[in-house]
Amino acid sequence: MTERERLQNFVGNGEKARGTFSAAEMQRRLDAIRRYMAQNNVDAALFTSYHNINYYADFIYCQFGRRYGFFVDQDNATSISAGIDGGQPWRRTFGSNLTYTDWQKDNYFHAIRQIIGGAKRIGIEFDHVNLDLLSLLKAEFPGVDFVDIAAPAMRLRMIKSAEEIAHITEMARIADIGGAACVEATAVGVPEHEVALHSTATMIREIARTWPHAELLDTWTWFQSGINTDGAHNPVTSRKIEAGDILSLNCFPMVAGYYVALERTLFAEHASDAHIRLWEFNCKIHDRGKELLVPGAKCSDIAAELNEMYAAENLLQYRSFGYGHSFGVLSHYYGREAGLELREDCETILEPGMVVSMEPMITIPEGLPGAGGYREHDILVIEEAGSRNITGFPYGPEHLIVKGKARAT
């Protein structure tokens, strides 16, 4: 049997892609994690998650049952990728690349061996490495002490640079465009999926125009109607919009692993008095919540004050989830900066450079007056003197009772 190569060399297969951020910005990120490593006696870090590999390498992998990594020590930074992806990981990586083949079972670890050097204390992501991978790492590298680096890496990601904030702000503009496309496509008799398709296509085209050098992946829209509005993450269906339906638009442009969101409550043609009352009150919560997003505010205190407002209207039991969360490198299928959540159990203090949403939601069960799910969602940048709202799309009964005509398809 012919012995096959364990590694492949795709370095130089094409030219390096234009990075999402400047070289100085990417170096800033590596310098920050290396500083933490030096201060905590960590020789190297092996990042394995989508979010950290993307944050530190500007590369988003397609897992599909294979292992990926980004190995960082004080001198080098190297992505580890599967041969199925050819030279794309090298072209996208801010740093070097090693490509392993499928032709032997442990080739991923063979690749790590090429760059591990004398590292004896390696940081890994305890919230991402599963028991199987941890067991294999310990077996393959018996002299290495594996320690958690997920939490400190997350804390570094929570404070956004000026370049990141500019990137997120531009994406919020595109989310607003997606929201307008949803409204344009909304009419009685139109299926949810047709509204979502129009919104998603509109956003992707604007992303391609704005970032002509970017990879186009993962932008999506959830558009929900009637009973399907009861959950924030309910998938699109082929249900057709009916007159009087409560509706939810959820636009999510994704650019280079960065996600933003626009979420709004709408109604088709008309809304009952009970629906209007609940909608207006949820907008009131939304307005107050945005006022509370200032430096020095504690996440749990924000949640507590908004809870009291709901409780005063006997609506607290219908609240669905936390009031907001950090934005940056995250997605519906990977990542979340769990240290920055507007929840009762989060003690984080808001600081300049954080980017956080305000997104109150209540769900009134079927059979009760005003049944359905209500949510509004804006994104705010915390600044020295307060906060800046980067979402511009309108909300509330004055703007979003939609009386449109179906678009030709």
Protein backbone atom coordinates (compact mmCIF):
# COMPACT_ATOMS: atom_id res chain seq x y z
CA MET A 1 0.00 0.00 0.00
CA THR A 2 1.40 3.40 -0.98
CA GLU A 3 2.04 5.63 2.01
CA ARG A 4 0.25 8.95 1.64
CA GLU A 5 1.40 12.35 2.86
CA ARG A 6 0.28 13.42 6.33
CA LEU A 7 0.56 17.13 5.51
CA GLN A 8 -0.01 19.17 2.36
CA ASN A 9 1.57 22.48 1.50
CA PHE A 10 -0.88 25.11 0.25
CA VAL A 11 1.25 28.07 1.30
CA GLY A 12 1.54 30.33 -1.72
CA ASN A 13 -1.46 28.81 -3.49
CA GLY A 14 -2.74 32.15 -4.71
CA GLU A 15 -2.20 35.45 -2.95
CA LYS A 16 -3.18 36.33 0.60
CA ALA A 17 -6.75 37.65 0.70
CA ARG A 18 -7.41 41.20 1.72
CA GLY A 19 -8.06 41.10 5.45
CA THR A 20 -11.27 42.23 7.07
CA PHE A 21 -9.20 44.47 9.35
CA SER A 22 -5.83 46.15 9.11
CA ALA A 23 -2.62 44.31 9.96
CA ALA A 24 -2.23 46.65 12.92
CA GLU A 25 -5.65 45.63 14.27
CA MET A 26 -4.91 41.91 13.90
CA GLN A 27 -1.52 42.37 15.54
CA ARG A 28 -3.21 44.22 18.42
CA ARG A 29 -5.35 41.17 19.08
CA LEU A 30 -2.40 38.78 19.05
CA ASP A 31 -0.39 41.12 21.26
CA ALA A 32 -3.23 41.20 23.79
CA ILE A 33 -3.58 37.42 24.08
CA ARG A 34 0.19 36.98 24.16
CA ARG A 35 0.38 39.50 26.99
CA TYR A 36 -2.14 37.47 28.94
CA MET A 37 -0.21 34.27 28.20
CA ALA A 38 3.09 35.78 29.39
CA GLN A 39 1.51 37.08 32.60
CA ASN A 40 -0.08 33.71 33.38
CA ASN A 41 2.73 31.34 32.44
CA VAL A 42 0.93 29.96 29.37
CA ASP A 43 3.44 28.89 26.71
CA ALA A 44 0.98 28.66 23.82
CA ALA A 45 -2.72 28.67 23.00
CA LEU A 46 -4.59 26.21 20.80
CA PHE A 47 -7.85 27.88 19.78
CA THR A 48 -10.45 25.52 18.30
CA SER A 49 -13.73 27.48 18.23
CA TYR A 50 -15.15 29.34 15.27
CA HIS A 51 -15.21 32.60 17.18
CA ASN A 52 -11.67 32.64 18.53
CA ILE A 53 -10.07 31.33 15.34
CA ASN A 54 -11.95 34.00 13.42
CA TYR A 55 -11.12 36.73 15.94
CA TYR A 56 -7.39 36.03 16.05
CA ALA A 57 -6.84 34.71 12.49
CA ASP A 58 -9.59 36.31 10.36
CA PHE A 59 -10.46 32.83 9.10
CA ILE A 60 -13.82 31.04 9.41
CA TYR A 61 -13.58 27.31 8.92
CA CYS A 62 -16.20 24.86 7.67
CA GLN A 63 -16.05 22.06 10.21
CA PHE A 64 -18.03 19.27 8.55
CA GLY A 65 -16.71 16.65 10.98
CA ARG A 66 -13.06 17.74 10.89
CA ARG A 67 -10.86 19.49 13.44
CA TYR A 68 -9.41 22.97 13.04
CA GLY A 69 -7.16 25.10 15.17
CA PHE A 70 -5.15 28.29 15.53
CA PHE A 71 -1.91 27.80 17.44
CA VAL A 72 -0.40 30.91 19.01
CA ASP A 73 2.85 31.20 20.93
CA GLN A 74 5.04 34.22 21.57
CA ASP A 75 6.65 34.05 18.13
CA ASN A 76 4.23 32.48 15.65
CA ALA A 77 0.53 32.14 14.83
CA THR A 78 -0.55 29.23 12.63
CA SER A 79 -3.93 27.99 11.49
CA ILE A 80 -4.39 24.21 11.25
CA SER A 81 -6.83 23.17 8.54
CA ALA A 82 -8.05 20.12 6.67
CA GLY A 83 -6.88 19.38 3.13
CA ILE A 84 -10.41 19.48 1.78
CA ASP A 85 -10.26 23.31 1.99
CA GLY A 86 -7.20 23.66 -0.22
CA GLY A 87 -5.41 26.99 0.07
CA GLN A 88 -8.36 29.06 1.29
CA PRO A 89 -7.38 28.80 4.99
CA TRP A 90 -3.85 30.01 4.22
CA ARG A 91 -5.15 32.86 2.07
CA ARG A 92 -7.49 34.03 4.84
CA THR A 93 -5.23 33.49 7.88
CA PHE A 94 -3.40 36.38 9.47
CA GLY A 95 -0.33 34.24 10.03
CA SER A 96 0.94 30.87 8.81
CA ASN A 97 -0.95 27.71 7.94
CA LEU A 98 -0.50 23.96 8.24
CA THR A 99 -2.78 21.67 6.23
CA TYR A 100 -3.30 18.05 7.24
CA THR A 101 -4.77 15.25 5.16
CA ASP A 102 -7.46 12.68 5.88
CA TRP A 103 -5.16 9.80 4.96
CA GLN A 104 -4.26 8.88 8.54
CA LYS A 105 -6.44 9.14 11.58
CA ASP A 106 -4.27 11.33 13.82
CA ASN A 107 -2.94 13.77 11.23
CA TYR A 108 -4.47 16.75 13.05
CA PHE A 109 -2.25 15.99 16.03
CA HIS A 110 0.70 15.33 13.74
CA ALA A 111 0.26 18.88 12.45
CA ILE A 112 0.24 20.27 16.00
CA ARG A 113 3.46 18.37 16.69
CA GLN A 114 5.21 20.32 13.94
CA ILE A 115 4.67 23.63 15.76
CA ILE A 116 4.29 22.83 19.45
CA GLY A 117 7.99 23.29 20.16
CA GLY A 118 8.80 23.12 23.86
CA ALA A 119 5.41 24.29 25.09
CA LYS A 120 4.50 22.58 28.34
CA ARG A 121 1.51 24.67 29.40
CA ILE A 122 -1.06 25.22 26.64
CA GLY A 123 -4.29 27.17 26.82
CA ILE A 124 -7.38 25.56 25.30
CA GLU A 125 -11.03 26.54 25.33
CA PHE A 126 -12.72 24.60 28.11
CA ASP A 127 -16.13 25.74 26.87
CA HIS A 128 -15.47 24.35 23.37
CA VAL A 129 -13.11 21.35 23.63
CA ASN A 130 -15.25 18.25 24.12
CA LEU A 131 -14.27 15.24 26.23
CA ASP A 132 -13.16 13.27 23.18
CA LEU A 133 -10.75 15.97 21.97
CA LEU A 134 -9.45 16.62 25.48
CA SER A 135 -8.73 12.91 25.95
CA LEU A 136 -6.89 12.74 22.63
CA LEU A 137 -4.84 15.87 23.37
CA LYS A 138 -3.73 14.45 26.71
CA ALA A 139 -2.85 11.12 25.10
CA GLU A 140 -0.95 12.71 22.20
CA PHE A 141 0.90 15.24 24.39
CA PRO A 142 1.38 13.54 27.79
CA GLY A 143 3.89 16.11 29.05
CA VAL A 144 1.62 19.09 28.47
CA ASP A 145 -0.59 20.80 31.05
CA PHE A 146 -3.79 22.02 29.38
CA VAL A 147 -5.38 25.08 31.02
CA ASP A 148 -8.44 27.18 30.23
CA ILE A 149 -7.98 30.22 28.02
CA ALA A 150 -11.61 30.63 26.88
CA ALA A 151 -12.71 33.05 29.58
CA PRO A 152 -9.77 35.50 29.28
CA ALA A 153 -10.02 35.39 25.48
CA MET A 154 -13.70 36.25 25.75
CA ARG A 155 -12.98 39.20 28.04
CA LEU A 156 -10.55 40.56 25.46
CA ARG A 157 -13.18 40.22 22.73
CA MET A 158 -15.79 42.09 24.78
CA ILE A 159 -14.06 45.46 24.34
CA LYS A 160 -14.21 46.41 20.67
CA SER A 161 -11.57 48.42 18.84
CA ALA A 162 -12.40 51.45 16.68
CA GLU A 163 -12.08 49.26 13.56
CA GLU A 164 -14.47 46.68 14.96
CA ILE A 165 -17.02 49.35 15.92
CA ALA A 166 -16.83 50.86 12.43
CA HIS A 167 -17.36 47.39 10.93
CA ILE A 168 -20.33 46.64 13.18
CA THR A 169 -21.85 50.08 12.51
CA GLU A 170 -21.76 49.51 8.77
CA MET A 171 -23.38 46.11 9.25
CA ALA A 172 -26.16 47.68 11.30
CA ARG A 173 -26.86 49.92 8.33
CA ILE A 174 -27.23 46.82 6.18
CA ALA A 175 -29.57 45.24 8.74
CA ASP A 176 -31.78 48.31 8.40
CA ILE A 177 -31.82 47.75 4.63
CA GLY A 178 -32.89 44.16 5.27
CA GLY A 179 -35.69 45.39 7.51
CA ALA A 180 -36.96 47.71 4.79
CA ALA A 181 -36.90 44.77 2.35
CA CYS A 182 -39.00 42.72 4.78
CA VAL A 183 -41.61 45.46 4.96
CA GLU A 184 -41.54 45.84 1.18
CA ALA A 185 -42.28 42.14 0.69
CA THR A 186 -44.90 41.84 3.46
CA ALA A 187 -48.52 41.50 2.37
CA VAL A 188 -51.51 39.31 3.11
CA GLY A 189 -51.15 36.00 1.28
CA VAL A 190 -47.35 36.12 1.00
CA PRO A 191 -45.52 33.15 2.60
CA GLU A 192 -42.94 33.79 5.30
CA HIS A 193 -40.16 32.31 3.20
CA GLU A 194 -40.74 34.75 0.34
CA VAL A 195 -40.37 37.71 2.70
CA ALA A 196 -37.21 36.20 4.18
CA LEU A 197 -35.71 35.45 0.77
CA HIS A 198 -36.21 39.02 -0.42
CA SER A 199 -34.63 40.44 2.74
CA THR A 200 -31.65 38.07 2.69
CA ALA A 201 -30.92 38.64 -1.01
CA THR A 202 -31.12 42.41 -0.51
CA MET A 203 -28.62 42.29 2.37
CA ILE A 204 -26.19 39.98 0.56
CA ARG A 205 -26.14 42.25 -2.47
CA GLU A 206 -25.39 45.26 -0.28
CA ILE A 207 -22.66 43.34 1.57
CA ALA A 208 -21.07 42.42 -1.78
CA ARG A 209 -21.18 46.06 -2.85
CA THR A 210 -19.77 47.34 0.44
CA TRP A 211 -17.09 44.66 0.92
CA PRO A 212 -16.24 43.43 -2.60
CA HIS A 213 -13.26 41.49 -1.20
CA ALA A 214 -15.26 39.60 1.45
CA GLU A 215 -16.44 36.02 1.52
CA LEU A 216 -20.24 35.95 1.37
CA LEU A 217 -21.61 33.49 3.87
CA ASP A 218 -24.24 33.00 6.54
CA THR A 219 -26.40 36.13 6.20
CA TRP A 220 -29.98 35.13 6.92
CA THR A 221 -33.48 36.33 7.83
CA TRP A 222 -36.09 34.85 10.11
CA PHE A 223 -39.54 36.22 9.28
CA GLN A 224 -42.31 34.87 11.48
CA SER A 225 -46.09 35.25 11.45
CA GLY A 226 -48.93 34.42 13.80
CA ILE A 227 -48.17 31.53 16.15
CA ASN A 228 -44.62 31.36 14.77
CA THR A 229 -43.74 34.63 16.53
CA ASP A 230 -43.82 33.00 19.96
CA GLY A 231 -40.11 32.12 19.87
CA ALA A 232 -37.28 34.45 18.90
CA HIS A 233 -35.41 31.75 16.95
CA ASN A 234 -38.30 29.98 15.27
CA PRO A 235 -37.37 29.04 11.68
CA VAL A 236 -38.99 30.41 8.56
CA THR A 237 -41.94 28.39 7.25
CA SER A 238 -44.22 28.53 4.21
CA ARG A 239 -47.15 29.83 6.29
CA LYS A 240 -48.96 32.63 4.45
CA ILE A 241 -49.56 35.97 6.14
CA GLU A 242 -53.16 36.61 7.17
CA ALA A 243 -54.87 39.94 7.88
CA GLY A 244 -54.43 40.90 11.55
CA ASP A 245 -51.36 38.67 12.00
CA ILE A 246 -48.65 39.67 14.41
CA LEU A 247 -45.32 39.48 12.56
CA SER A 248 -41.63 39.48 13.48
CA LEU A 249 -38.79 40.48 11.22
CA ASN A 250 -35.31 39.33 12.19
CA CYS A 251 -32.50 40.42 9.86
CA PHE A 252 -28.99 39.08 10.43
CA PRO A 253 -26.23 40.21 8.10
CA MET A 254 -22.98 38.29 8.66
CA VAL A 255 -19.68 39.71 7.46
CA ALA A 256 -16.40 37.93 8.31
CA GLY A 257 -17.94 36.18 11.30
CA TYR A 258 -19.39 39.39 12.75
CA TYR A 259 -23.12 39.26 13.32
CA VAL A 260 -25.61 42.06 13.85
CA ALA A 261 -29.36 41.92 14.25
CA LEU A 262 -32.45 43.98 13.58
CA GLU A 263 -35.69 42.70 15.12
CA ARG A 264 -39.08 44.34 14.95
CA THR A 265 -42.74 43.62 15.68
CA LEU A 266 -45.16 44.29 12.81
CA PHE A 267 -48.81 43.66 12.01
CA ALA A 268 -50.49 42.82 8.73
CA GLU A 269 -53.21 45.33 7.79
CA HIS A 270 -54.50 45.98 11.33
CA ALA A 271 -54.01 45.16 15.02
CA SER A 272 -56.49 44.70 17.85
CA ASP A 273 -56.62 47.04 20.82
CA ALA A 274 -55.09 44.34 23.04
CA HIS A 275 -52.22 43.87 20.59
CA ILE A 276 -51.61 47.62 20.37
CA ARG A 277 -51.52 47.95 24.17
CA LEU A 278 -48.94 45.20 24.57
CA TRP A 279 -46.89 46.38 21.62
CA GLU A 280 -46.73 49.95 22.89
CA PHE A 281 -45.75 48.79 26.36
CA ASN A 282 -42.96 46.60 25.01
CA CYS A 283 -41.71 49.61 23.05
CA LYS A 284 -41.75 51.57 26.31
CA ILE A 285 -39.55 48.90 27.90
CA HIS A 286 -37.29 49.09 24.86
CA ASP A 287 -36.96 52.88 25.18
CA ARG A 288 -36.15 52.73 28.89
CA GLY A 289 -33.70 49.89 28.36
CA LYS A 290 -31.73 51.92 25.85
CA GLU A 291 -31.53 54.81 28.31
CA LEU A 292 -29.94 52.46 30.85
CA LEU A 293 -27.10 51.39 28.53
CA VAL A 294 -24.38 53.73 29.80
CA PRO A 295 -20.86 53.21 31.16
CA GLY A 296 -20.86 52.16 34.80
CA ALA A 297 -24.24 50.44 34.66
CA LYS A 298 -24.37 46.85 35.91
CA CYS A 299 -26.05 44.29 33.67
CA SER A 300 -28.06 42.75 36.53
CA ASP A 301 -29.32 46.17 37.67
CA ILE A 302 -30.60 46.94 34.16
CA ALA A 303 -32.48 43.63 34.10
CA ALA A 304 -33.93 44.28 37.57
CA GLU A 305 -35.32 47.71 36.66
CA LEU A 306 -36.93 46.46 33.46
CA ASN A 307 -38.35 43.45 35.33
CA GLU A 308 -40.10 45.85 37.70
CA MET A 309 -41.71 47.65 34.78
CA TYR A 310 -43.06 44.39 33.38
CA ALA A 311 -44.21 43.25 36.82
CA ALA A 312 -46.18 46.47 37.34
CA GLU A 313 -48.22 45.57 34.25
CA ASN A 314 -48.52 41.87 35.26
CA LEU A 315 -46.42 40.88 32.23
CA LEU A 316 -43.20 39.63 33.82
CA GLN A 317 -44.25 35.99 33.52
CA TYR A 318 -44.39 36.43 29.75
CA ARG A 319 -40.78 37.57 29.39
CA SER A 320 -38.84 35.25 27.09
CA PHE A 321 -35.07 35.79 27.58
CA GLY A 322 -32.41 38.28 28.69
CA TYR A 323 -32.69 41.92 27.66
CA GLY A 324 -29.62 41.98 25.43
CA HIS A 325 -26.11 40.73 24.80
CA SER A 326 -22.71 41.60 23.43
CA PHE A 327 -22.13 41.87 19.70
CA GLY A 328 -19.03 41.00 17.71
CA VAL A 329 -17.76 37.60 16.54
CA LEU A 330 -20.81 35.45 17.20
CA SER A 331 -23.55 33.65 15.33
CA HIS A 332 -26.59 31.43 15.69
CA TYR A 333 -24.35 28.37 15.42
CA TYR A 334 -21.22 29.44 17.26
CA GLY A 335 -19.91 31.72 19.91
CA ARG A 336 -21.34 34.12 22.43
CA GLU A 337 -19.64 36.54 24.78
CA ALA A 338 -21.44 35.18 27.81
CA GLY A 339 -19.74 37.63 30.13
CA LEU A 340 -21.82 40.47 28.72
CA GLU A 341 -25.50 39.58 29.01
CA LEU A 342 -28.29 41.83 30.25
CA ARG A 343 -29.56 39.24 32.71
CA GLU A 344 -30.26 39.01 36.40
CA ASP A 345 -27.23 36.75 36.97
CA CYS A 346 -24.62 38.88 35.13
CA GLU A 347 -22.61 41.30 37.26
CA THR A 348 -20.58 42.83 34.41
CA ILE A 349 -20.21 46.62 34.43
CA LEU A 350 -20.65 48.33 31.07
CA GLU A 351 -17.49 49.99 29.72
CA PRO A 352 -16.66 52.16 26.72
CA GLY A 353 -15.94 49.97 23.71
CA MET A 354 -18.61 47.41 24.50
CA VAL A 355 -21.33 46.85 21.90
CA VAL A 356 -24.60 45.56 23.31
CA SER A 357 -28.20 45.12 22.24
CA MET A 358 -31.44 46.09 23.90
CA GLU A 359 -34.06 43.53 22.90
CA PRO A 360 -36.99 43.04 25.28
CA MET A 361 -39.44 40.28 24.35
CA ILE A 362 -42.70 39.00 25.76
CA THR A 363 -44.77 36.09 24.47
CA ILE A 364 -48.51 36.05 25.18
CA PRO A 365 -49.88 32.49 24.82
CA GLU A 366 -52.53 31.57 22.28
CA GLY A 367 -56.08 32.08 23.55
CA LEU A 368 -55.27 35.26 25.50
CA PRO A 369 -56.00 38.77 24.23
CA GLY A 370 -53.03 40.09 22.25
CA ALA A 371 -51.51 36.63 21.73
CA GLY A 372 -48.11 36.46 20.04
CA GLY A 373 -44.46 37.38 20.48
CA TYR A 374 -43.34 41.01 20.70
CA ARG A 375 -39.74 42.12 20.43
CA GLU A 376 -37.74 45.14 19.38
CA HIS A 377 -33.97 45.11 18.97
CA ASP A 378 -31.42 47.92 18.68
CA ILE A 379 -27.61 47.80 18.97
CA LEU A 380 -25.76 50.43 21.01
CA VAL A 381 -22.09 51.27 21.35
CA ILE A 382 -21.05 52.19 24.89
CA GLU A 383 -19.02 55.39 24.85
CA GLU A 384 -17.34 57.59 27.47
CA ALA A 385 -20.30 59.94 27.79
CA GLY A 386 -23.15 57.46 27.31
CA SER A 387 -24.08 55.30 24.35
CA ARG A 388 -24.71 55.60 20.63
CA ASN A 389 -27.52 53.76 18.91
CA ILE A 390 -26.36 52.39 15.54
CA THR A 391 -29.78 50.97 14.61
CA GLY A 392 -31.94 53.35 12.63
CA PHE A 393 -35.02 51.34 11.68
CA PRO A 394 -38.33 52.63 13.11
CA TYR A 395 -40.58 50.66 15.44
CA GLY A 396 -44.02 50.79 17.00
CA PRO A 397 -47.64 51.07 15.80
CA GLU A 398 -47.10 54.38 14.01
CA HIS A 399 -44.62 52.77 11.62
CA LEU A 400 -45.13 49.04 11.29
CA ILE A 401 -48.77 48.20 10.68
CA VAL A 402 -48.06 47.09 7.14
CA LYS A 403 -50.67 47.49 4.42
CA GLY A 404 -48.57 46.42 1.49
CA LYS A 405 -49.34 44.69 -1.75
CA ALA A 406 -47.65 41.45 -2.66
CA ARG A 407 -44.55 41.81 -4.79
CA ALA A 408 -44.37 39.98 -8.10
CA THR A 409 -42.16 36.90 -7.81
